[in-house]
């Protein structure tokens, strides 16, 4: 069961609001102790409690308490920033929550493509400028061009493209992206 190990006297102020910080810990399933931070809005009705991911793992409760007692306000500010702005990583399988846990540092989304990850998103680049897309595609080898075509379903008719030159593949990608962008806009 989780317990509050320490509460900070000084409030943490951010552009999001003012928070009271506290360090929370519990025994983990593997016998270690894990600690994280909670940030409670200072004003009543000021929003939800912000919970960080695991900030420390220690072999015993006393070690976790020692860690918590040594934390500074600057550390708490950094922890709040990490909790408010988690790192987003694209993964192939989104994990399902199994039980009550501290918030994860990594937020994941499932990939829509099962092959090797493409090195560039032609719609992100082409949506800004098709000529820049063409230039960036010139920097890629043939296999990467095919990878982009497959990953972004740019060849829905499954035409045999193996006989095309690299320049023709680049033109094929640019035209397919342009066509789909126009269709999305309509």
Protein backbone atom coordinates (compact mmCIF):
# COMPACT_ATOMS: atom_id res chain seq x y z
CA UNK A 1 0.00 0.00 0.00
CA UNK A 2 1.30 3.46 -0.90
CA UNK A 3 2.24 5.97 1.81
CA UNK A 4 3.31 9.62 1.88
CA UNK A 5 7.00 9.75 2.79
CA UNK A 6 7.47 13.51 2.72
CA UNK A 7 5.55 16.71 1.98
CA UNK A 8 7.30 19.85 0.77
CA UNK A 9 6.64 23.06 2.75
CA UNK A 10 7.29 25.34 -0.23
CA UNK A 11 4.66 25.27 -3.01
CA UNK A 12 5.75 24.54 -6.59
CA UNK A 13 4.70 27.28 -9.02
CA UNK A 14 4.40 26.70 -12.77
CA UNK A 15 2.51 28.26 -15.64
CA UNK A 16 -0.09 25.54 -15.03
CA UNK A 17 -0.69 26.61 -11.43
CA UNK A 18 0.55 26.27 -7.88
CA UNK A 19 0.99 22.79 -6.41
CA UNK A 20 1.83 21.20 -3.08
CA UNK A 21 4.38 18.46 -3.68
CA UNK A 22 4.71 15.21 -1.78
CA UNK A 23 6.78 12.08 -2.14
CA UNK A 24 4.87 8.80 -2.16
CA UNK A 25 6.30 5.28 -1.89
CA UNK A 26 5.27 1.67 -1.78
CA UNK A 27 6.74 -1.82 -1.95
CA UNK A 28 6.93 -2.99 -5.57
CA UNK A 29 5.97 -6.48 -6.72
CA UNK A 30 9.64 -7.49 -6.98
CA UNK A 31 10.37 -6.65 -3.31
CA UNK A 32 12.03 -3.31 -4.07
CA UNK A 33 10.56 0.02 -2.92
CA UNK A 34 9.49 2.56 -5.52
CA UNK A 35 8.90 6.25 -5.02
CA UNK A 36 7.12 8.87 -7.09
CA UNK A 37 5.74 12.35 -6.61
CA UNK A 38 2.24 13.72 -6.39
CA UNK A 39 1.38 17.35 -7.01
CA UNK A 40 -1.87 18.55 -5.43
CA UNK A 41 -3.34 21.83 -6.76
CA UNK A 42 -3.04 24.52 -4.08
CA UNK A 43 -6.42 26.12 -4.78
CA UNK A 44 -9.65 24.21 -4.10
CA UNK A 45 -11.07 22.96 -7.38
CA UNK A 46 -7.72 23.74 -9.02
CA UNK A 47 -7.75 20.57 -11.08
CA UNK A 48 -6.61 17.00 -10.73
CA UNK A 49 -3.63 15.72 -8.79
CA UNK A 50 -0.61 15.31 -11.08
CA UNK A 51 1.27 12.04 -10.51
CA UNK A 52 4.81 11.46 -11.74
CA UNK A 53 6.25 8.21 -12.93
CA UNK A 54 8.58 6.22 -10.67
CA UNK A 55 11.39 8.56 -9.65
CA UNK A 56 13.42 6.12 -7.53
CA UNK A 57 13.67 2.41 -6.74
CA UNK A 58 15.40 1.34 -3.53
CA UNK A 59 15.97 -2.05 -1.87
CA UNK A 60 14.44 -1.01 1.49
CA UNK A 61 11.93 1.49 2.82
CA UNK A 62 14.61 3.27 4.85
CA UNK A 63 16.65 3.86 1.70
CA UNK A 64 13.60 5.29 -0.06
CA UNK A 65 12.91 7.54 2.93
CA UNK A 66 16.53 8.74 2.85
CA UNK A 67 16.15 9.54 -0.87
CA UNK A 68 12.87 11.40 -0.24
CA UNK A 69 14.35 13.44 2.63
CA UNK A 70 17.20 14.62 0.41
CA UNK A 71 15.04 15.97 -2.43
CA UNK A 72 15.08 19.68 -3.16
CA UNK A 73 12.41 22.02 -4.51
CA UNK A 74 14.36 22.17 -7.78
CA UNK A 75 14.07 18.38 -8.09
CA UNK A 76 10.32 18.59 -7.40
CA UNK A 77 9.95 21.26 -10.11
CA UNK A 78 11.71 18.96 -12.59
CA UNK A 79 9.53 16.03 -11.56
CA UNK A 80 6.39 18.13 -12.09
CA UNK A 81 7.63 19.17 -15.53
CA UNK A 82 8.30 15.50 -16.44
CA UNK A 83 4.82 14.51 -15.19
CA UNK A 84 3.13 17.29 -17.17
CA UNK A 85 5.16 16.63 -20.34
CA UNK A 86 5.81 12.89 -20.60
CA UNK A 87 8.09 11.55 -23.30
CA UNK A 88 6.02 10.15 -26.17
CA UNK A 89 7.48 7.14 -27.94
CA UNK A 90 5.82 5.30 -30.79
CA UNK A 91 5.82 1.57 -30.09
CA UNK A 92 4.47 -1.43 -31.92
CA UNK A 93 2.26 -2.66 -29.04
CA UNK A 94 0.51 -0.40 -26.55
CA UNK A 95 0.69 -1.91 -23.05
CA UNK A 96 -2.59 -2.33 -21.23
CA UNK A 97 -2.71 -1.19 -17.61
CA UNK A 98 -2.66 -4.21 -15.29
CA UNK A 99 -3.17 -2.55 -11.92
CA UNK A 100 -2.85 0.64 -9.89
CA UNK A 101 0.59 2.04 -10.74
CA UNK A 102 2.41 5.36 -10.85
CA UNK A 103 2.09 7.16 -14.19
CA UNK A 104 4.47 6.00 -16.92
CA UNK A 105 7.17 8.26 -18.26
CA UNK A 106 6.61 6.91 -21.76
CA UNK A 107 3.28 7.25 -23.51
CA UNK A 108 3.01 4.83 -26.40
CA UNK A 109 0.80 4.48 -29.42
CA UNK A 110 0.46 1.42 -31.64
CA UNK A 111 2.15 1.54 -35.01
CA UNK A 112 -0.17 1.17 -37.99
CA UNK A 113 2.54 -0.60 -39.99
CA UNK A 114 4.20 -3.91 -39.08
CA UNK A 115 7.35 -3.62 -41.23
CA UNK A 116 10.52 -1.69 -40.42
CA UNK A 117 9.77 1.86 -39.31
CA UNK A 118 10.01 4.35 -42.19
CA UNK A 119 12.66 7.03 -41.73
CA UNK A 120 10.36 9.87 -42.76
CA UNK A 121 6.64 10.65 -42.84
CA UNK A 122 5.93 11.82 -46.40
CA UNK A 123 2.63 13.42 -45.37
CA UNK A 124 4.22 15.53 -42.63
CA UNK A 125 6.92 16.80 -45.01
CA UNK A 126 4.75 16.91 -48.15
CA UNK A 127 1.96 18.70 -46.31
CA UNK A 128 4.34 21.61 -45.84
CA UNK A 129 6.16 21.50 -49.19
CA UNK A 130 6.24 18.83 -51.91
CA UNK A 131 9.58 20.06 -53.28
CA UNK A 132 11.23 19.59 -49.88
CA UNK A 133 9.70 16.10 -49.78
CA UNK A 134 11.28 15.37 -53.16
CA UNK A 135 14.67 16.63 -51.93
CA UNK A 136 14.53 14.56 -48.74
CA UNK A 137 13.55 11.43 -50.69
CA UNK A 138 16.69 11.86 -52.84
CA UNK A 139 18.76 11.27 -49.70
CA UNK A 140 17.26 7.80 -49.20
CA UNK A 141 18.27 4.50 -50.73
CA UNK A 142 15.93 2.34 -52.80
CA UNK A 143 14.90 0.04 -49.93
CA UNK A 144 13.89 3.04 -47.77
CA UNK A 145 11.75 4.38 -50.65
CA UNK A 146 9.92 1.03 -50.91
CA UNK A 147 9.57 1.03 -47.10
CA UNK A 148 7.82 4.44 -47.21
CA UNK A 149 5.53 3.31 -50.04
CA UNK A 150 4.51 0.22 -48.05
CA UNK A 151 4.24 1.91 -44.63
CA UNK A 152 2.01 4.73 -45.87
CA UNK A 153 -0.02 2.64 -48.35
CA UNK A 154 1.02 4.77 -51.30
CA UNK A 155 0.53 1.89 -53.74
CA UNK A 156 -3.01 0.68 -52.96
CA UNK A 157 -3.29 -0.97 -56.40
CA UNK A 158 -0.24 -3.13 -55.60
CA UNK A 159 1.47 -2.25 -58.90
CA UNK A 160 4.86 -3.86 -59.46
CA UNK A 161 7.28 -0.99 -58.83
CA UNK A 162 10.52 -2.98 -58.92
CA UNK A 163 11.27 -1.97 -62.50
CA UNK A 164 11.14 1.75 -61.68
CA UNK A 165 14.30 3.80 -61.26
CA UNK A 166 14.93 5.63 -57.98
CA UNK A 167 13.86 8.90 -59.62
CA UNK A 168 10.60 7.29 -60.77
CA UNK A 169 9.97 5.93 -57.25
CA UNK A 170 10.50 9.40 -55.80
CA UNK A 171 8.06 10.90 -58.31
CA UNK A 172 5.60 8.07 -57.54
CA UNK A 173 5.77 8.90 -53.79
CA UNK A 174 5.41 12.67 -54.32
CA UNK A 175 2.42 12.25 -56.67
CA UNK A 176 0.74 9.72 -54.33
CA UNK A 177 1.21 12.01 -51.33
CA UNK A 178 -0.05 15.05 -53.26
CA UNK A 179 -3.11 13.10 -54.45
CA UNK A 180 -3.99 11.88 -50.96
CA UNK A 181 -3.47 15.34 -49.45
CA UNK A 182 -5.86 16.83 -52.03
CA UNK A 183 -8.43 14.08 -51.32
CA UNK A 184 -8.18 14.68 -47.56
CA UNK A 185 -8.72 18.41 -48.07
CA UNK A 186 -11.95 17.90 -50.05
